[in-house]
Amino acid sequence: MQQRLFTDQLGRTISVVEKPRRIISLVPSQTELLADLGLEEEVIGITKFCIHPDRWFRSKTRVGGTKQLHLEQLAALQPDLIIANKEENEQQQIEWLMERFPVWTSDIKTLEQACEMITAVGELTGTSEKAKQLITKINAAFSELQPHTTPLRAAYFIWQEPLMCAGSDTFISHLMQRCNLLNVFTAQDGRYPEVSESMLRELNPEVLLLSSEPFPFAEKHREAMQQQFPEMRVHLVDGEYFSWYGSRLVDAPGYFTLLLNHIHRTAY
């Protein structure tokens, strides 16, 4: 079977069969992308966090969590392509898989890198035309995103105990910037800094965004934080639109527009 060489977003070159027939995805947003590229039969394994599309979540073999893969079960599936991500998967496990199978790994911090990933996955899987169409839709949607001219200083919470936020060197922060929400954390704070009450008061964001994932912040958390920081505006947000870098990006600008309108109505 003819092999082709591809370079992933870590700069690694891998050899992949011309049209992979046994694909495993280790990242929820990239699993959804594979579904939207029409790879219903080719994808044979996903993680327990790959909840979209629902029919795949209910029917595909689950090979563990993104950071706790069942390696022997995965290996038994004999994939001819594994699609992973530097941040979402554990390095030691991915290196184990790399010794045995072709593993294409993404590394995404910007919208441009997300589109590069989609292009590459299209080429890897023989779905380049669909990938190009998807990127066209994503770029068109983001070109119509018109955030309010008044920037708002914001903190984006991803975890409850301990409180943790998305730092500036993340895909989340990049999309915040596209919304004119200025991340109060800088590169010096790290990618996902732990946050204390005193630190938050010192940084003094105008808006606190509580994500639905990976910690599922709910209304009770929003109310508690609003009482703790009455001078700030606290909002629940759909984390999939801020952190999923696959085909969900098509609908992200529409969601951001509704969210920003709501934030600005309550910010003054």
Foldseek 3Di string as FASTA:
>chain_A
DDWDWDAAAVRDIDIFHQAWQEEEELDQLVVLQCVLLPNVRRYQEYACPNCPPVVCNVPHHHQYHSADGVLVVVVVSVGQEYEHEPPRYDPVSVVVVVVPHHYHYAYDAALVSLLVVLCRVCSRRVSNVSSVVLVVLLVVLLVPQDADPDAFEEWEWADVVQTKTAACRHQLNNVCVSNSHHYLHYVVQPGIHGDDPVRCVVSPTQEYEYECPPPHDDPVNQVVVCVVPVNHHYYYDYVCLRHNSHSSSSCSSVRSVVVSVVCVVPRD
